[in-house]
Amino acid sequence: MSSPTDSRSDRRGGFYWYQEKEPFVSVTTVLSVLNKPALQYWFGKEVYRAMVINPTLTEKEALSAPYTASKGAMGRGTTVHAIVENYVHEQDYVDQASEEFRPYAQAFYNWVKDHDIEILEHEKTLLSKKYGYAGTLDLLVKFKNSGRIMIIDVKTGKDIYDDYFLQLSAYKQALLEQDGIDAEMGILLLATGANGKPTGKSKFQDADYCFDEFLACKTLWEWKNAELIESVGYVKGVRKT
């Protein structure tokens, strides 16, 4: 990985591989150490729902229900990112989105129009040689009316969670280190209703800078994965650059 715009293809095993030989842990891998109470609640609810719908399920079948649902959520996330990408490259609008996901597309397009957004980068891979991590941001945008430059993470769901700020903070530090751009950060939530379907509405929130907290997660991840990082030749802590 020589810092091209999109180096997700150079990611494997939770690492981005710089120049195909040096591992840099991915931001999302680092954040996997966090406890997520909301996710645990969702898991239990999916098991309960599956049993209500079909009381004859075995224990194994019931416990597999959340994984089936999560595949659907992953598909939703992939589709939404495709909607964003299609807009970036083709300037196509909602008539190009499937009926199921069209409200997400409408919410995104409305946000871009209402805030007079110029998209500067999309799916840009960032590398922090100093701290040994890498990740791929969703959007780097300019608000034309105010001139603000922001890293935007596009999410779908019912709410915005604090751990999103850690992810964005890592991207902010890497963007500053790699390209000298001191960007602000924000979360764009394309809302999902209580019925699990898109509402066509969005919520935007500025993100707090939490880089020290991200580094704390990274230290904990390194501690928990000592054998793995030794086996792949990953360098812990702050690196000499």
Protein backbone atom coordinates (compact mmCIF):
# COMPACT_ATOMS: atom_id res chain seq x y z
CA MET A 1 0.00 0.00 0.00
CA SER A 2 1.72 3.18 -1.17
CA SER A 3 -1.01 5.53 0.11
CA PRO A 4 -3.28 5.56 -2.97
CA THR A 5 -6.77 6.96 -2.64
CA ASP A 6 -8.44 3.60 -1.91
CA SER A 7 -6.29 0.77 -0.56
CA ARG A 8 -8.96 -1.46 0.93
CA SER A 9 -7.76 -4.26 -1.34
CA ASP A 10 -4.49 -4.19 0.64
CA ARG A 11 -6.35 -5.06 3.83
CA ARG A 12 -6.34 -8.58 5.22
CA GLY A 13 -6.40 -10.17 8.64
CA GLY A 14 -7.28 -6.87 10.32
CA PHE A 15 -4.23 -5.08 8.89
CA TYR A 16 -3.44 -2.81 5.97
CA TRP A 17 -0.18 -3.93 4.38
CA TYR A 18 2.05 -0.99 3.44
CA GLN A 19 3.90 -1.75 0.21
CA GLU A 20 2.45 -5.27 0.60
CA LYS A 21 4.84 -6.17 3.43
CA GLU A 22 4.49 -3.92 6.50
CA PRO A 23 1.33 -4.37 8.64
CA PHE A 24 -0.61 -1.38 9.98
CA VAL A 25 -3.58 -2.31 12.15
CA SER A 26 -6.94 -1.12 10.84
CA VAL A 27 -8.90 1.44 12.83
CA THR A 28 -11.96 -0.80 13.01
CA THR A 29 -9.84 -3.71 14.28
CA VAL A 30 -8.51 -1.50 17.09
CA LEU A 31 -12.05 -0.49 18.08
CA SER A 32 -13.20 -4.11 18.25
CA VAL A 33 -11.84 -4.14 21.83
CA LEU A 34 -14.69 -1.88 22.97
CA ASN A 35 -17.61 -3.32 24.86
CA LYS A 36 -20.85 -2.46 23.03
CA PRO A 37 -23.87 -2.80 25.38
CA ALA A 38 -26.29 -1.74 22.65
CA LEU A 39 -25.03 -4.57 20.45
CA GLN A 40 -25.51 -7.11 23.25
CA TYR A 41 -29.08 -5.88 23.77
CA TRP A 42 -29.76 -6.15 20.03
CA PHE A 43 -28.35 -9.69 19.99
CA GLY A 44 -30.70 -10.80 22.77
CA LYS A 45 -33.67 -9.12 21.11
CA GLU A 46 -33.01 -10.92 17.83
CA VAL A 47 -32.87 -14.29 19.61
CA TYR A 48 -36.14 -13.51 21.43
CA ARG A 49 -37.84 -12.36 18.22
CA ALA A 50 -36.79 -15.51 16.39
CA MET A 51 -38.26 -17.67 19.19
CA VAL A 52 -41.53 -15.71 19.19
CA ILE A 53 -41.91 -16.18 15.44
CA ASN A 54 -41.00 -19.87 15.56
CA PRO A 55 -41.13 -21.51 19.02
CA THR A 56 -39.95 -24.81 17.55
CA LEU A 57 -36.44 -23.49 16.89
CA THR A 58 -33.58 -25.35 18.49
CA GLU A 59 -31.16 -23.46 20.72
CA LYS A 60 -28.57 -23.42 17.93
CA GLU A 61 -31.08 -22.09 15.40
CA ALA A 62 -32.28 -19.34 17.75
CA LEU A 63 -28.75 -18.24 18.55
CA SER A 64 -27.94 -18.00 14.84
CA ALA A 65 -30.75 -15.46 14.25
CA PRO A 66 -28.62 -12.36 15.06
CA TYR A 67 -25.97 -13.46 12.57
CA THR A 68 -28.58 -13.74 9.86
CA ALA A 69 -29.83 -10.26 10.73
CA SER A 70 -26.30 -8.84 10.81
CA LYS A 71 -25.68 -10.10 7.28
CA GLY A 72 -28.72 -8.07 6.25
CA ALA A 73 -27.33 -5.01 8.05
CA MET A 74 -23.98 -5.47 6.33
CA GLY A 75 -25.78 -5.67 3.01
CA ARG A 76 -27.63 -2.46 3.87
CA GLY A 77 -24.37 -0.72 4.73
CA THR A 78 -22.74 -1.91 1.50
CA THR A 79 -25.70 -0.72 -0.53
CA VAL A 80 -25.73 2.69 1.13
CA HIS A 81 -22.02 3.15 0.43
CA ALA A 82 -22.73 2.18 -3.17
CA ILE A 83 -25.41 4.89 -3.28
CA VAL A 84 -22.86 7.43 -2.07
CA GLU A 85 -20.25 6.20 -4.54
CA ASN A 86 -22.73 6.33 -7.40
CA TYR A 87 -23.50 9.94 -6.54
CA VAL A 88 -19.81 10.85 -6.32
CA HIS A 89 -18.95 9.39 -9.71
CA GLU A 90 -22.15 9.71 -11.72
CA GLN A 91 -24.22 12.39 -9.96
CA ASP A 92 -27.15 9.97 -10.22
CA TYR A 93 -30.11 10.53 -7.97
CA VAL A 94 -32.78 8.46 -6.26
CA ASP A 95 -34.23 6.90 -9.39
CA GLN A 96 -31.04 4.83 -9.58
CA ALA A 97 -31.53 3.32 -6.08
CA SER A 98 -33.58 0.22 -5.37
CA GLU A 99 -37.01 0.84 -3.86
CA GLU A 100 -35.95 -0.73 -0.56
CA PHE A 101 -33.05 1.68 -0.06
CA ARG A 102 -34.39 4.71 -1.91
CA PRO A 103 -35.21 6.63 1.31
CA TYR A 104 -31.55 6.33 2.36
CA ALA A 105 -30.51 7.74 -1.01
CA GLN A 106 -33.03 10.55 -0.72
CA ALA A 107 -31.79 11.42 2.77
CA PHE A 108 -28.19 11.55 1.55
CA TYR A 109 -28.97 13.64 -1.54
CA ASN A 110 -31.06 16.06 0.51
CA TRP A 111 -28.20 16.53 2.98
CA VAL A 112 -25.73 17.24 0.15
CA LYS A 113 -28.10 19.75 -1.46
CA ASP A 114 -29.25 21.46 1.74
CA HIS A 115 -25.69 22.05 2.95
CA ASP A 116 -24.20 22.83 -0.49
CA ILE A 117 -21.62 20.07 -0.14
CA GLU A 118 -18.61 19.57 -2.39
CA ILE A 119 -17.17 16.08 -2.11
CA LEU A 120 -13.37 16.28 -2.16
CA GLU A 121 -12.51 12.63 -1.48
CA HIS A 122 -14.41 9.37 -1.25
CA GLU A 123 -13.20 6.09 0.28
CA LYS A 124 -9.75 7.56 0.84
CA THR A 125 -7.26 5.31 2.61
CA LEU A 126 -5.22 7.01 5.33
CA LEU A 127 -2.02 5.77 6.90
CA SER A 128 -0.44 6.91 10.16
CA LYS A 129 3.19 5.86 10.01
CA LYS A 130 3.77 7.45 13.42
CA TYR A 131 1.14 5.39 15.25
CA GLY A 132 1.04 2.30 13.05
CA TYR A 133 -2.58 2.21 11.94
CA ALA A 134 -4.59 2.76 8.77
CA GLY A 135 -8.19 3.17 7.74
CA THR A 136 -10.48 4.30 4.94
CA LEU A 137 -12.68 7.35 5.45
CA ASP A 138 -16.10 7.63 3.84
CA LEU A 139 -16.04 11.25 2.71
CA LEU A 140 -13.90 14.34 2.88
CA VAL A 141 -16.15 17.28 2.06
CA LYS A 142 -16.27 21.05 1.86
CA PHE A 143 -19.28 23.03 3.03
CA LYS A 144 -19.30 25.67 0.29
CA ASN A 145 -21.22 28.26 2.30
CA SER A 146 -18.87 28.21 5.30
CA GLY A 147 -15.69 26.78 3.82
CA ARG A 148 -15.51 24.07 6.50
CA ILE A 149 -13.52 20.98 5.52
CA MET A 150 -14.85 17.88 7.25
CA ILE A 151 -14.28 14.15 7.43
CA ILE A 152 -17.74 12.58 7.27
CA ASP A 153 -18.60 9.07 8.36
CA VAL A 154 -21.88 7.88 6.84
CA LYS A 155 -23.87 5.54 9.08
CA THR A 156 -27.29 3.95 8.99
CA GLY A 157 -29.28 3.14 12.09
CA LYS A 158 -31.37 4.63 14.86
CA ASP A 159 -28.79 6.76 16.67
CA ILE A 160 -25.23 8.13 16.75
CA TYR A 161 -22.85 6.42 19.20
CA ASP A 162 -19.75 7.78 20.91
CA ASP A 163 -17.41 5.13 19.49
CA TYR A 164 -17.94 6.68 16.04
CA PHE A 165 -15.96 9.68 17.35
CA LEU A 166 -12.96 7.48 18.07
CA GLN A 167 -12.94 6.22 14.50
CA LEU A 168 -13.15 9.73 13.07
CA SER A 169 -10.44 10.99 15.43
CA ALA A 170 -8.07 8.34 14.11
CA TYR A 171 -8.85 9.43 10.55
CA LYS A 172 -8.34 13.10 11.45
CA GLN A 173 -4.88 12.42 12.89
CA ALA A 174 -3.85 10.28 9.90
CA LEU A 175 -5.14 12.86 7.38
CA LEU A 176 -3.18 15.62 9.14
CA GLU A 177 -0.05 13.45 9.23
CA GLN A 178 -0.37 12.18 5.66
CA ASP A 179 -1.72 15.19 3.76
CA GLY A 180 -1.35 18.14 6.13
CA ILE A 181 -5.12 18.72 6.22
CA ASP A 182 -6.54 19.66 9.63
CA ALA A 183 -10.16 18.71 9.01
CA GLU A 184 -13.17 18.86 11.29
CA MET A 185 -15.29 15.74 11.81
CA GLY A 186 -18.95 14.84 11.56
CA ILE A 187 -21.35 11.90 11.54
CA LEU A 188 -24.11 11.70 8.93
CA LEU A 189 -26.76 9.25 10.11
CA LEU A 190 -29.22 8.05 7.47
CA ALA A 191 -32.05 7.18 9.80
CA THR A 192 -33.64 3.78 10.25
CA GLY A 193 -37.06 3.59 11.88
CA ALA A 194 -38.30 1.28 14.62
CA ASN A 195 -39.55 -1.06 11.90
CA GLY A 196 -36.01 -1.49 10.57
CA LYS A 197 -36.76 0.44 7.40
CA PRO A 198 -35.21 3.73 6.24
CA THR A 199 -37.17 6.84 7.12
CA GLY A 200 -35.82 9.14 4.41
CA LYS A 201 -34.49 11.48 7.09
CA SER A 202 -30.96 12.20 8.24
CA LYS A 203 -29.22 13.45 11.36
CA PHE A 204 -25.91 15.27 11.29
CA GLN A 205 -23.65 15.80 14.29
CA ASP A 206 -20.21 17.31 14.75
CA ALA A 207 -17.82 14.83 16.35
CA ASP A 208 -15.61 15.46 19.38
CA TYR A 209 -11.88 14.86 18.98
CA CYS A 210 -10.99 11.77 21.02
CA PHE A 211 -7.59 10.71 19.73
CA ASP A 212 -6.11 9.97 23.17
CA GLU A 213 -9.03 7.64 23.80
CA PHE A 214 -8.41 5.94 20.44
CA LEU A 215 -4.76 5.41 21.39
CA ALA A 216 -5.89 3.88 24.67
CA CYS A 217 -7.98 1.39 22.69
CA LYS A 218 -4.98 0.69 20.46
CA THR A 219 -2.76 -0.01 23.48
CA LEU A 220 -5.37 -2.39 24.88
CA TRP A 221 -5.76 -4.12 21.50
CA GLU A 222 -1.97 -4.59 21.29
CA TRP A 223 -1.93 -6.06 24.80
CA LYS A 224 -4.75 -8.50 23.99
CA ASN A 225 -3.19 -9.59 20.68
CA ALA A 226 0.50 -9.97 21.56
CA GLU A 227 0.88 -13.34 19.84
CA LEU A 228 -0.79 -12.17 16.63
CA ILE A 229 1.21 -8.97 16.28
CA GLU A 230 4.46 -10.81 16.92
CA SER A 231 3.62 -13.38 14.26
CA VAL A 232 2.93 -10.75 11.56
CA GLY A 233 5.76 -8.39 12.52
CA TYR A 234 3.56 -5.53 13.68
CA VAL A 235 5.38 -2.74 15.59
CA LYS A 236 3.61 -1.65 18.80
CA GLY A 237 3.28 1.87 20.14
CA VAL A 238 4.62 5.07 18.59
CA ARG A 239 7.04 4.50 15.72
CA LYS A 240 10.09 6.44 14.64
CA THR A 241 9.31 8.25 11.39
